[in-house]
ModelCIF file with pLDDT and N, C-alpha, C, O atoms, coordinates in Angstrom:
data_MODEL
#
_entry.id   MODEL 
#
_entity.id                         1 
_entity.type                       polymer 
_entity.pdbx_number_of_molecules   1 
#
_entity_poly.entity_id                      1 
_entity_poly.type                           'polypeptide(L)' 
_entity_poly.nstd_linkage                   no 
_entity_poly.nstd_monomer                   no 
_entity_poly.pdbx_seq_one_letter_code       ADYLGLIGNLLGQGYAFVQNGSAAMGLAAVACGRIDGFCELSLKSWD 
_entity_poly.pdbx_seq_one_letter_code_can   ADYLGLIGNLLGQGYAFVQNGSAAMGLAAVACGRIDGFCELSLKSWD 
_entity_poly.pdbx_strand_id                 A 
#
loop_
_entity_poly_seq.entity_id 
_entity_poly_seq.num 
_entity_poly_seq.mon_id 
_entity_poly_seq.hetero 
1 1  ALA n 
1 2  ASP n 
1 3  TYR n 
1 4  LEU n 
1 5  GLY n 
1 6  LEU n 
1 7  ILE n 
1 8  GLY n 
1 9  ASN n 
1 10 LEU n 
1 11 LEU n 
1 12 GLY n 
1 13 GLN n 
1 14 GLY n 
1 15 TYR n 
1 16 ALA n 
1 17 PHE n 
1 18 VAL n 
1 19 GLN n 
1 20 ASN n 
1 21 GLY n 
1 22 SER n 
1 23 ALA n 
1 24 ALA n 
1 25 MET n 
1 26 GLY n 
1 27 LEU n 
1 28 ALA n 
1 29 ALA n 
1 30 VAL n 
1 31 ALA n 
1 32 CYS n 
1 33 GLY n 
1 34 ARG n 
1 35 ILE n 
1 36 ASP n 
1 37 GLY n 
1 38 PHE n 
1 39 CYS n 
1 40 GLU n 
1 41 LEU n 
1 42 SER n 
1 43 LEU n 
1 44 LYS n 
1 45 SER n 
1 46 TRP n 
1 47 ASP n 
#
_struct_asym.id          A 
_struct_asym.entity_id   1 
#
loop_
_ma_qa_metric.id 
_ma_qa_metric.mode 
_ma_qa_metric.name 
_ma_qa_metric.software_group_id 
_ma_qa_metric.type 
1 global pLDDT . pLDDT 
2 local  pLDDT . pLDDT 
#
_ma_qa_metric_global.metric_id      1 
_ma_qa_metric_global.metric_value   94.49 
_ma_qa_metric_global.model_id       1 
_ma_qa_metric_global.ordinal_id     1 
#
loop_
_ma_qa_metric_local.label_asym_id 
_ma_qa_metric_local.label_comp_id 
_ma_qa_metric_local.label_seq_id 
_ma_qa_metric_local.metric_id 
_ma_qa_metric_local.metric_value 
_ma_qa_metric_local.model_id 
_ma_qa_metric_local.ordinal_id 
A ALA 1  2 86.00 1 1  
A ASP 2  2 87.00 1 2  
A TYR 3  2 88.00 1 3  
A LEU 4  2 89.00 1 4  
A GLY 5  2 88.00 1 5  
A LEU 6  2 91.00 1 6  
A ILE 7  2 93.00 1 7  
A GLY 8  2 91.00 1 8  
A ASN 9  2 91.00 1 9  
A LEU 10 2 94.00 1 10 
A LEU 11 2 94.00 1 11 
A GLY 12 2 92.00 1 12 
A GLN 13 2 93.00 1 13 
A GLY 14 2 95.00 1 14 
A TYR 15 2 96.00 1 15 
A ALA 16 2 96.00 1 16 
A PHE 17 2 94.00 1 17 
A VAL 18 2 95.00 1 18 
A GLN 19 2 94.00 1 19 
A ASN 20 2 94.00 1 20 
A GLY 21 2 94.00 1 21 
A SER 22 2 97.00 1 22 
A ALA 23 2 97.00 1 23 
A ALA 24 2 98.00 1 24 
A MET 25 2 98.00 1 25 
A GLY 26 2 98.00 1 26 
A LEU 27 2 98.00 1 27 
A ALA 28 2 98.00 1 28 
A ALA 29 2 98.00 1 29 
A VAL 30 2 98.00 1 30 
A ALA 31 2 98.00 1 31 
A CYS 32 2 97.00 1 32 
A GLY 33 2 97.00 1 33 
A ARG 34 2 98.00 1 34 
A ILE 35 2 98.00 1 35 
A ASP 36 2 98.00 1 36 
A GLY 37 2 97.00 1 37 
A PHE 38 2 98.00 1 38 
A CYS 39 2 96.00 1 39 
A GLU 40 2 94.00 1 40 
A LEU 41 2 91.00 1 41 
A SER 42 2 90.00 1 42 
A LEU 43 2 94.00 1 43 
A LYS 44 2 93.00 1 44 
A SER 45 2 95.00 1 45 
A TRP 46 2 96.00 1 46 
A ASP 47 2 96.00 1 47 
#
loop_
_atom_site.group_PDB 
_atom_site.id 
_atom_site.type_symbol 
_atom_site.label_atom_id 
_atom_site.label_alt_id 
_atom_site.label_comp_id 
_atom_site.label_asym_id 
_atom_site.label_entity_id 
_atom_site.label_seq_id 
_atom_site.pdbx_PDB_ins_code 
_atom_site.Cartn_x 
_atom_site.Cartn_y 
_atom_site.Cartn_z 
_atom_site.occupancy 
_atom_site.B_iso_or_equiv 
_atom_site.pdbx_formal_charge 
_atom_site.auth_seq_id 
_atom_site.auth_comp_id 
_atom_site.auth_asym_id 
_atom_site.auth_atom_id 
_atom_site.pdbx_PDB_model_num 
ATOM 1   N N  . ALA A 1 1  ? -79.440 -162.982 14.838  1.00 86.00 ? 1  ALA A N  1 
ATOM 2   C CA . ALA A 1 1  ? -81.074 -162.701 14.274  1.00 86.00 ? 1  ALA A CA 1 
ATOM 3   C C  . ALA A 1 1  ? -80.685 -161.452 12.877  1.00 86.00 ? 1  ALA A C  1 
ATOM 4   O O  . ALA A 1 1  ? -81.093 -161.640 11.731  1.00 86.00 ? 1  ALA A O  1 
ATOM 5   N N  . ASP A 1 2  ? -80.170 -160.701 13.124  1.00 87.00 ? 2  ASP A N  1 
ATOM 6   C CA . ASP A 1 2  ? -79.779 -159.785 11.834  1.00 87.00 ? 2  ASP A CA 1 
ATOM 7   C C  . ASP A 1 2  ? -79.085 -160.670 11.103  1.00 87.00 ? 2  ASP A C  1 
ATOM 8   O O  . ASP A 1 2  ? -79.201 -160.522 9.886   1.00 87.00 ? 2  ASP A O  1 
ATOM 9   N N  . TYR A 1 3  ? -78.293 -161.683 11.532  1.00 88.00 ? 3  TYR A N  1 
ATOM 10  C CA . TYR A 1 3  ? -77.633 -162.205 10.039  1.00 88.00 ? 3  TYR A CA 1 
ATOM 11  C C  . TYR A 1 3  ? -78.752 -162.986 9.479   1.00 88.00 ? 3  TYR A C  1 
ATOM 12  O O  . TYR A 1 3  ? -79.142 -162.489 8.422   1.00 88.00 ? 3  TYR A O  1 
ATOM 13  N N  . LEU A 1 4  ? -79.421 -164.081 9.849   1.00 89.00 ? 4  LEU A N  1 
ATOM 14  C CA . LEU A 1 4  ? -80.307 -164.401 9.476   1.00 89.00 ? 4  LEU A CA 1 
ATOM 15  C C  . LEU A 1 4  ? -81.379 -163.654 8.882   1.00 89.00 ? 4  LEU A C  1 
ATOM 16  O O  . LEU A 1 4  ? -82.083 -164.442 8.250   1.00 89.00 ? 4  LEU A O  1 
ATOM 17  N N  . GLY A 1 5  ? -81.896 -162.252 8.794   1.00 88.00 ? 5  GLY A N  1 
ATOM 18  C CA . GLY A 1 5  ? -82.859 -161.302 8.462   1.00 88.00 ? 5  GLY A CA 1 
ATOM 19  C C  . GLY A 1 5  ? -81.833 -160.770 7.451   1.00 88.00 ? 5  GLY A C  1 
ATOM 20  O O  . GLY A 1 5  ? -82.404 -160.345 6.447   1.00 88.00 ? 5  GLY A O  1 
ATOM 21  N N  . LEU A 1 6  ? -80.146 -160.630 7.390   1.00 91.00 ? 6  LEU A N  1 
ATOM 22  C CA . LEU A 1 6  ? -80.054 -160.471 6.066   1.00 91.00 ? 6  LEU A CA 1 
ATOM 23  C C  . LEU A 1 6  ? -80.153 -161.207 4.715   1.00 91.00 ? 6  LEU A C  1 
ATOM 24  O O  . LEU A 1 6  ? -80.436 -160.930 3.549   1.00 91.00 ? 6  LEU A O  1 
ATOM 25  N N  . ILE A 1 7  ? -79.685 -162.552 5.624   1.00 93.00 ? 7  ILE A N  1 
ATOM 26  C CA . ILE A 1 7  ? -79.665 -163.865 4.755   1.00 93.00 ? 7  ILE A CA 1 
ATOM 27  C C  . ILE A 1 7  ? -81.083 -163.927 3.968   1.00 93.00 ? 7  ILE A C  1 
ATOM 28  O O  . ILE A 1 7  ? -81.112 -163.754 2.750   1.00 93.00 ? 7  ILE A O  1 
ATOM 29  N N  . GLY A 1 8  ? -82.358 -164.204 4.784   1.00 91.00 ? 8  GLY A N  1 
ATOM 30  C CA . GLY A 1 8  ? -83.425 -164.112 4.412   1.00 91.00 ? 8  GLY A CA 1 
ATOM 31  C C  . GLY A 1 8  ? -83.782 -163.017 3.141   1.00 91.00 ? 8  GLY A C  1 
ATOM 32  O O  . GLY A 1 8  ? -84.009 -163.523 2.043   1.00 91.00 ? 8  GLY A O  1 
ATOM 33  N N  . ASN A 1 9  ? -83.813 -162.175 3.215   1.00 91.00 ? 9  ASN A N  1 
ATOM 34  C CA . ASN A 1 9  ? -83.925 -160.809 2.558   1.00 91.00 ? 9  ASN A CA 1 
ATOM 35  C C  . ASN A 1 9  ? -83.020 -160.839 1.056   1.00 91.00 ? 9  ASN A C  1 
ATOM 36  O O  . ASN A 1 9  ? -83.521 -160.430 0.009   1.00 91.00 ? 9  ASN A O  1 
ATOM 37  N N  . LEU A 1 10 ? -81.771 -161.330 1.131   1.00 94.00 ? 10 LEU A N  1 
ATOM 38  C CA . LEU A 1 10 ? -80.842 -161.101 0.064   1.00 94.00 ? 10 LEU A CA 1 
ATOM 39  C C  . LEU A 1 10 ? -81.617 -162.605 -0.832  1.00 94.00 ? 10 LEU A C  1 
ATOM 40  O O  . LEU A 1 10 ? -81.499 -162.749 -2.049  1.00 94.00 ? 10 LEU A O  1 
ATOM 41  N N  . LEU A 1 11 ? -82.379 -163.595 0.067   1.00 94.00 ? 11 LEU A N  1 
ATOM 42  C CA . LEU A 1 11 ? -83.177 -164.625 -1.085  1.00 94.00 ? 11 LEU A CA 1 
ATOM 43  C C  . LEU A 1 11 ? -84.122 -164.346 -1.402  1.00 94.00 ? 11 LEU A C  1 
ATOM 44  O O  . LEU A 1 11 ? -84.630 -165.062 -2.265  1.00 94.00 ? 11 LEU A O  1 
ATOM 45  N N  . GLY A 1 12 ? -84.809 -163.297 -0.957  1.00 92.00 ? 12 GLY A N  1 
ATOM 46  C CA . GLY A 1 12 ? -86.126 -162.694 -0.849  1.00 92.00 ? 12 GLY A CA 1 
ATOM 47  C C  . GLY A 1 12 ? -86.400 -162.013 -2.268  1.00 92.00 ? 12 GLY A C  1 
ATOM 48  O O  . GLY A 1 12 ? -87.360 -162.226 -3.008  1.00 92.00 ? 12 GLY A O  1 
ATOM 49  N N  . GLN A 1 13 ? -85.227 -161.059 -2.491  1.00 93.00 ? 13 GLN A N  1 
ATOM 50  C CA . GLN A 1 13 ? -84.820 -160.294 -3.609  1.00 93.00 ? 13 GLN A CA 1 
ATOM 51  C C  . GLN A 1 13 ? -84.441 -161.027 -4.745  1.00 93.00 ? 13 GLN A C  1 
ATOM 52  O O  . GLN A 1 13 ? -84.364 -160.454 -5.832  1.00 93.00 ? 13 GLN A O  1 
ATOM 53  N N  . GLY A 1 14 ? -84.166 -162.361 -4.613  1.00 95.00 ? 14 GLY A N  1 
ATOM 54  C CA . GLY A 1 14 ? -83.608 -163.107 -5.613  1.00 95.00 ? 14 GLY A CA 1 
ATOM 55  C C  . GLY A 1 14 ? -81.615 -162.957 -6.129  1.00 95.00 ? 14 GLY A C  1 
ATOM 56  O O  . GLY A 1 14 ? -80.964 -163.234 -7.136  1.00 95.00 ? 14 GLY A O  1 
ATOM 57  N N  . TYR A 1 15 ? -81.359 -162.469 -4.988  1.00 96.00 ? 15 TYR A N  1 
ATOM 58  C CA . TYR A 1 15 ? -80.045 -162.755 -4.910  1.00 96.00 ? 15 TYR A CA 1 
ATOM 59  C C  . TYR A 1 15 ? -79.406 -164.178 -4.656  1.00 96.00 ? 15 TYR A C  1 
ATOM 60  O O  . TYR A 1 15 ? -79.982 -164.820 -3.777  1.00 96.00 ? 15 TYR A O  1 
ATOM 61  N N  . ALA A 1 16 ? -78.316 -164.800 -5.263  1.00 96.00 ? 16 ALA A N  1 
ATOM 62  C CA . ALA A 1 16 ? -77.407 -165.788 -4.921  1.00 96.00 ? 16 ALA A CA 1 
ATOM 63  C C  . ALA A 1 16 ? -76.598 -165.013 -3.685  1.00 96.00 ? 16 ALA A C  1 
ATOM 64  O O  . ALA A 1 16 ? -76.553 -163.791 -3.539  1.00 96.00 ? 16 ALA A O  1 
ATOM 65  N N  . PHE A 1 17 ? -75.861 -166.192 -2.680  1.00 94.00 ? 17 PHE A N  1 
ATOM 66  C CA . PHE A 1 17 ? -74.991 -165.804 -1.487  1.00 94.00 ? 17 PHE A CA 1 
ATOM 67  C C  . PHE A 1 17 ? -74.156 -166.737 -1.123  1.00 94.00 ? 17 PHE A C  1 
ATOM 68  O O  . PHE A 1 17 ? -74.456 -167.897 -1.406  1.00 94.00 ? 17 PHE A O  1 
ATOM 69  N N  . VAL A 1 18 ? -72.924 -166.470 -0.421  1.00 95.00 ? 18 VAL A N  1 
ATOM 70  C CA . VAL A 1 18 ? -71.967 -167.292 -0.306  1.00 95.00 ? 18 VAL A CA 1 
ATOM 71  C C  . VAL A 1 18 ? -71.207 -166.599 0.482   1.00 95.00 ? 18 VAL A C  1 
ATOM 72  O O  . VAL A 1 18 ? -71.063 -165.392 0.290   1.00 95.00 ? 18 VAL A O  1 
ATOM 73  N N  . GLN A 1 19 ? -70.488 -167.359 1.671   1.00 94.00 ? 19 GLN A N  1 
ATOM 74  C CA . GLN A 1 19 ? -70.324 -166.852 2.713   1.00 94.00 ? 19 GLN A CA 1 
ATOM 75  C C  . GLN A 1 19 ? -68.575 -167.997 3.041   1.00 94.00 ? 19 GLN A C  1 
ATOM 76  O O  . GLN A 1 19 ? -68.519 -169.062 3.656   1.00 94.00 ? 19 GLN A O  1 
ATOM 77  N N  . ASN A 1 20 ? -67.479 -167.279 2.404   1.00 94.00 ? 20 ASN A N  1 
ATOM 78  C CA . ASN A 1 20 ? -66.344 -167.545 2.473   1.00 94.00 ? 20 ASN A CA 1 
ATOM 79  C C  . ASN A 1 20 ? -65.389 -167.275 3.014   1.00 94.00 ? 20 ASN A C  1 
ATOM 80  O O  . ASN A 1 20 ? -64.319 -167.734 2.614   1.00 94.00 ? 20 ASN A O  1 
ATOM 81  N N  . GLY A 1 21 ? -65.457 -166.423 4.128   1.00 94.00 ? 21 GLY A N  1 
ATOM 82  C CA . GLY A 1 21 ? -64.599 -166.551 5.648   1.00 94.00 ? 21 GLY A CA 1 
ATOM 83  C C  . GLY A 1 21 ? -63.461 -165.256 5.104   1.00 94.00 ? 21 GLY A C  1 
ATOM 84  O O  . GLY A 1 21 ? -62.338 -165.499 5.545   1.00 94.00 ? 21 GLY A O  1 
ATOM 85  N N  . SER A 1 22 ? -63.492 -164.359 4.520   1.00 97.00 ? 22 SER A N  1 
ATOM 86  C CA . SER A 1 22 ? -62.256 -163.656 4.481   1.00 97.00 ? 22 SER A CA 1 
ATOM 87  C C  . SER A 1 22 ? -63.019 -162.408 3.780   1.00 97.00 ? 22 SER A C  1 
ATOM 88  O O  . SER A 1 22 ? -63.613 -162.481 2.705   1.00 97.00 ? 22 SER A O  1 
ATOM 89  N N  . ALA A 1 23 ? -62.899 -161.297 4.552   1.00 97.00 ? 23 ALA A N  1 
ATOM 90  C CA . ALA A 1 23 ? -63.918 -159.923 4.282   1.00 97.00 ? 23 ALA A CA 1 
ATOM 91  C C  . ALA A 1 23 ? -62.538 -159.191 2.660   1.00 97.00 ? 23 ALA A C  1 
ATOM 92  O O  . ALA A 1 23 ? -62.845 -158.760 1.548   1.00 97.00 ? 23 ALA A O  1 
ATOM 93  N N  . ALA A 1 24 ? -61.620 -159.306 3.076   1.00 98.00 ? 24 ALA A N  1 
ATOM 94  C CA . ALA A 1 24 ? -60.152 -159.015 1.974   1.00 98.00 ? 24 ALA A CA 1 
ATOM 95  C C  . ALA A 1 24 ? -60.200 -159.726 0.935   1.00 98.00 ? 24 ALA A C  1 
ATOM 96  O O  . ALA A 1 24 ? -59.983 -159.005 -0.039  1.00 98.00 ? 24 ALA A O  1 
ATOM 97  N N  . MET A 1 25 ? -60.417 -161.033 0.577   1.00 98.00 ? 25 MET A N  1 
ATOM 98  C CA . MET A 1 25 ? -60.693 -161.819 -0.302  1.00 98.00 ? 25 MET A CA 1 
ATOM 99  C C  . MET A 1 25 ? -61.731 -161.653 -0.570  1.00 98.00 ? 25 MET A C  1 
ATOM 100 O O  . MET A 1 25 ? -61.838 -161.426 -1.775  1.00 98.00 ? 25 MET A O  1 
ATOM 101 N N  . GLY A 1 26 ? -63.074 -161.639 0.200   1.00 98.00 ? 26 GLY A N  1 
ATOM 102 C CA . GLY A 1 26 ? -64.703 -161.278 -0.762  1.00 98.00 ? 26 GLY A CA 1 
ATOM 103 C C  . GLY A 1 26 ? -64.442 -159.669 -1.579  1.00 98.00 ? 26 GLY A C  1 
ATOM 104 O O  . GLY A 1 26 ? -64.750 -159.393 -2.738  1.00 98.00 ? 26 GLY A O  1 
ATOM 105 N N  . LEU A 1 27 ? -63.828 -158.830 -0.628  1.00 98.00 ? 27 LEU A N  1 
ATOM 106 C CA . LEU A 1 27 ? -63.428 -157.224 -1.407  1.00 98.00 ? 27 LEU A CA 1 
ATOM 107 C C  . LEU A 1 27 ? -62.704 -157.762 -2.976  1.00 98.00 ? 27 LEU A C  1 
ATOM 108 O O  . LEU A 1 27 ? -63.150 -157.653 -4.118  1.00 98.00 ? 27 LEU A O  1 
ATOM 109 N N  . ALA A 1 28 ? -61.699 -158.238 -2.580  1.00 98.00 ? 28 ALA A N  1 
ATOM 110 C CA . ALA A 1 28 ? -60.652 -158.276 -3.803  1.00 98.00 ? 28 ALA A CA 1 
ATOM 111 C C  . ALA A 1 28 ? -61.746 -159.139 -4.695  1.00 98.00 ? 28 ALA A C  1 
ATOM 112 O O  . ALA A 1 28 ? -61.966 -158.769 -5.848  1.00 98.00 ? 28 ALA A O  1 
ATOM 113 N N  . ALA A 1 29 ? -62.197 -159.899 -4.338  1.00 98.00 ? 29 ALA A N  1 
ATOM 114 C CA . ALA A 1 29 ? -63.503 -161.113 -5.954  1.00 98.00 ? 29 ALA A CA 1 
ATOM 115 C C  . ALA A 1 29 ? -64.357 -159.941 -6.199  1.00 98.00 ? 29 ALA A C  1 
ATOM 116 O O  . ALA A 1 29 ? -64.179 -159.439 -7.308  1.00 98.00 ? 29 ALA A O  1 
ATOM 117 N N  . VAL A 1 30 ? -65.324 -159.317 -5.381  1.00 98.00 ? 30 VAL A N  1 
ATOM 118 C CA . VAL A 1 30 ? -65.565 -157.877 -5.953  1.00 98.00 ? 30 VAL A CA 1 
ATOM 119 C C  . VAL A 1 30 ? -64.827 -157.264 -7.025  1.00 98.00 ? 30 VAL A C  1 
ATOM 120 O O  . VAL A 1 30 ? -65.127 -157.524 -8.190  1.00 98.00 ? 30 VAL A O  1 
ATOM 121 N N  . ALA A 1 31 ? -64.111 -156.661 -6.809  1.00 98.00 ? 31 ALA A N  1 
ATOM 122 C CA . ALA A 1 31 ? -63.086 -155.797 -7.537  1.00 98.00 ? 31 ALA A CA 1 
ATOM 123 C C  . ALA A 1 31 ? -63.118 -156.814 -8.909  1.00 98.00 ? 31 ALA A C  1 
ATOM 124 O O  . ALA A 1 31 ? -63.824 -156.369 -9.814  1.00 98.00 ? 31 ALA A O  1 
ATOM 125 N N  . CYS A 1 32 ? -62.575 -157.871 -9.133  1.00 97.00 ? 32 CYS A N  1 
ATOM 126 C CA . CYS A 1 32 ? -62.559 -158.556 -9.892  1.00 97.00 ? 32 CYS A CA 1 
ATOM 127 C C  . CYS A 1 32 ? -63.510 -159.134 -10.991 1.00 97.00 ? 32 CYS A C  1 
ATOM 128 O O  . CYS A 1 32 ? -63.493 -159.658 -12.104 1.00 97.00 ? 32 CYS A O  1 
ATOM 129 N N  . GLY A 1 33 ? -64.092 -158.845 -10.299 1.00 97.00 ? 33 GLY A N  1 
ATOM 130 C CA . GLY A 1 33 ? -66.317 -159.087 -10.847 1.00 97.00 ? 33 GLY A CA 1 
ATOM 131 C C  . GLY A 1 33 ? -66.037 -160.601 -10.948 1.00 97.00 ? 33 GLY A C  1 
ATOM 132 O O  . GLY A 1 33 ? -66.443 -161.207 -11.939 1.00 97.00 ? 33 GLY A O  1 
ATOM 133 N N  . ARG A 1 34 ? -65.313 -161.287 -9.903  1.00 98.00 ? 34 ARG A N  1 
ATOM 134 C CA . ARG A 1 34 ? -66.259 -163.320 -9.437  1.00 98.00 ? 34 ARG A CA 1 
ATOM 135 C C  . ARG A 1 34 ? -67.490 -162.815 -8.924  1.00 98.00 ? 34 ARG A C  1 
ATOM 136 O O  . ARG A 1 34 ? -68.538 -163.282 -9.370  1.00 98.00 ? 34 ARG A O  1 
ATOM 137 N N  . ILE A 1 35 ? -67.514 -161.871 -7.995  1.00 98.00 ? 35 ILE A N  1 
ATOM 138 C CA . ILE A 1 35 ? -68.603 -162.009 -7.385  1.00 98.00 ? 35 ILE A CA 1 
ATOM 139 C C  . ILE A 1 35 ? -68.975 -160.337 -7.511  1.00 98.00 ? 35 ILE A C  1 
ATOM 140 O O  . ILE A 1 35 ? -68.103 -159.583 -7.942  1.00 98.00 ? 35 ILE A O  1 
ATOM 141 N N  . ASP A 1 36 ? -70.417 -159.761 -7.084  1.00 98.00 ? 36 ASP A N  1 
ATOM 142 C CA . ASP A 1 36 ? -71.136 -158.634 -7.314  1.00 98.00 ? 36 ASP A CA 1 
ATOM 143 C C  . ASP A 1 36 ? -71.047 -157.642 -6.257  1.00 98.00 ? 36 ASP A C  1 
ATOM 144 O O  . ASP A 1 36 ? -70.852 -156.428 -6.296  1.00 98.00 ? 36 ASP A O  1 
ATOM 145 N N  . GLY A 1 37 ? -71.301 -158.734 -4.978  1.00 97.00 ? 37 GLY A N  1 
ATOM 146 C CA . GLY A 1 37 ? -71.050 -157.485 -3.692  1.00 97.00 ? 37 GLY A CA 1 
ATOM 147 C C  . GLY A 1 37 ? -70.465 -158.144 -2.681  1.00 97.00 ? 37 GLY A C  1 
ATOM 148 O O  . GLY A 1 37 ? -69.883 -159.188 -2.973  1.00 97.00 ? 37 GLY A O  1 
ATOM 149 N N  . PHE A 1 38 ? -70.476 -157.783 -1.543  1.00 98.00 ? 38 PHE A N  1 
ATOM 150 C CA . PHE A 1 38 ? -69.356 -157.750 -0.661  1.00 98.00 ? 38 PHE A CA 1 
ATOM 151 C C  . PHE A 1 38 ? -70.167 -157.351 1.065   1.00 98.00 ? 38 PHE A C  1 
ATOM 152 O O  . PHE A 1 38 ? -69.894 -156.188 1.361   1.00 98.00 ? 38 PHE A O  1 
ATOM 153 N N  . CYS A 1 39 ? -71.001 -158.020 2.113   1.00 96.00 ? 39 CYS A N  1 
ATOM 154 C CA . CYS A 1 39 ? -71.476 -157.004 2.828   1.00 96.00 ? 39 CYS A CA 1 
ATOM 155 C C  . CYS A 1 39 ? -71.502 -158.021 4.236   1.00 96.00 ? 39 CYS A C  1 
ATOM 156 O O  . CYS A 1 39 ? -71.735 -159.228 4.301   1.00 96.00 ? 39 CYS A O  1 
ATOM 157 N N  . GLU A 1 40 ? -71.243 -157.253 5.088   1.00 94.00 ? 40 GLU A N  1 
ATOM 158 C CA . GLU A 1 40 ? -71.177 -158.019 6.926   1.00 94.00 ? 40 GLU A CA 1 
ATOM 159 C C  . GLU A 1 40 ? -71.270 -156.825 7.771   1.00 94.00 ? 40 GLU A C  1 
ATOM 160 O O  . GLU A 1 40 ? -70.680 -155.757 7.607   1.00 94.00 ? 40 GLU A O  1 
ATOM 161 N N  . LEU A 1 41 ? -72.392 -157.270 9.035   1.00 91.00 ? 41 LEU A N  1 
ATOM 162 C CA . LEU A 1 41 ? -72.406 -156.128 9.437   1.00 91.00 ? 41 LEU A CA 1 
ATOM 163 C C  . LEU A 1 41 ? -71.354 -155.472 10.853  1.00 91.00 ? 41 LEU A C  1 
ATOM 164 O O  . LEU A 1 41 ? -71.271 -154.333 11.312  1.00 91.00 ? 41 LEU A O  1 
ATOM 165 N N  . SER A 1 42 ? -70.823 -156.461 11.147  1.00 90.00 ? 42 SER A N  1 
ATOM 166 C CA . SER A 1 42 ? -69.364 -155.789 11.938  1.00 90.00 ? 42 SER A CA 1 
ATOM 167 C C  . SER A 1 42 ? -67.857 -156.188 11.381  1.00 90.00 ? 42 SER A C  1 
ATOM 168 O O  . SER A 1 42 ? -67.528 -157.359 11.195  1.00 90.00 ? 42 SER A O  1 
ATOM 169 N N  . LEU A 1 43 ? -67.090 -155.193 11.169  1.00 94.00 ? 43 LEU A N  1 
ATOM 170 C CA . LEU A 1 43 ? -66.068 -155.861 10.562  1.00 94.00 ? 43 LEU A CA 1 
ATOM 171 C C  . LEU A 1 43 ? -65.163 -154.591 10.860  1.00 94.00 ? 43 LEU A C  1 
ATOM 172 O O  . LEU A 1 43 ? -65.417 -153.397 10.698  1.00 94.00 ? 43 LEU A O  1 
ATOM 173 N N  . LYS A 1 44 ? -64.011 -155.232 11.354  1.00 93.00 ? 44 LYS A N  1 
ATOM 174 C CA . LYS A 1 44 ? -62.699 -153.994 11.675  1.00 93.00 ? 44 LYS A CA 1 
ATOM 175 C C  . LYS A 1 44 ? -61.828 -153.329 10.648  1.00 93.00 ? 44 LYS A C  1 
ATOM 176 O O  . LYS A 1 44 ? -61.672 -153.901 9.570   1.00 93.00 ? 44 LYS A O  1 
ATOM 177 N N  . SER A 1 45 ? -61.357 -152.397 10.834  1.00 95.00 ? 45 SER A N  1 
ATOM 178 C CA . SER A 1 45 ? -60.668 -151.943 10.212  1.00 95.00 ? 45 SER A CA 1 
ATOM 179 C C  . SER A 1 45 ? -59.501 -152.594 9.230   1.00 95.00 ? 45 SER A C  1 
ATOM 180 O O  . SER A 1 45 ? -59.325 -152.345 8.038   1.00 95.00 ? 45 SER A O  1 
ATOM 181 N N  . TRP A 1 46 ? -58.871 -153.359 9.948   1.00 96.00 ? 46 TRP A N  1 
ATOM 182 C CA . TRP A 1 46 ? -57.627 -154.219 9.014   1.00 96.00 ? 46 TRP A CA 1 
ATOM 183 C C  . TRP A 1 46 ? -58.020 -155.506 8.094   1.00 96.00 ? 46 TRP A C  1 
ATOM 184 O O  . TRP A 1 46 ? -57.325 -156.314 7.477   1.00 96.00 ? 46 TRP A O  1 
ATOM 185 N N  . ASP A 1 47 ? -59.405 -155.360 8.257   1.00 96.00 ? 47 ASP A N  1 
ATOM 186 C CA . ASP A 1 47 ? -60.016 -156.605 7.490   1.00 96.00 ? 47 ASP A CA 1 
ATOM 187 C C  . ASP A 1 47 ? -60.300 -156.209 6.277   1.00 96.00 ? 47 ASP A C  1 
ATOM 188 O O  . ASP A 1 47 ? -60.793 -156.997 5.470   1.00 96.00 ? 47 ASP A O  1 
#
């Protein structure tokens, strides 16, 4: 329910979203400007 709430609010505010399955790759994509943000509700340090 928390994840569905997050997605609903993202869409409600006008964001586009993807879910690509790798935090490290998602963060690298933010760093090089391919996407604009990365978020997740629970991740570990190694991720």
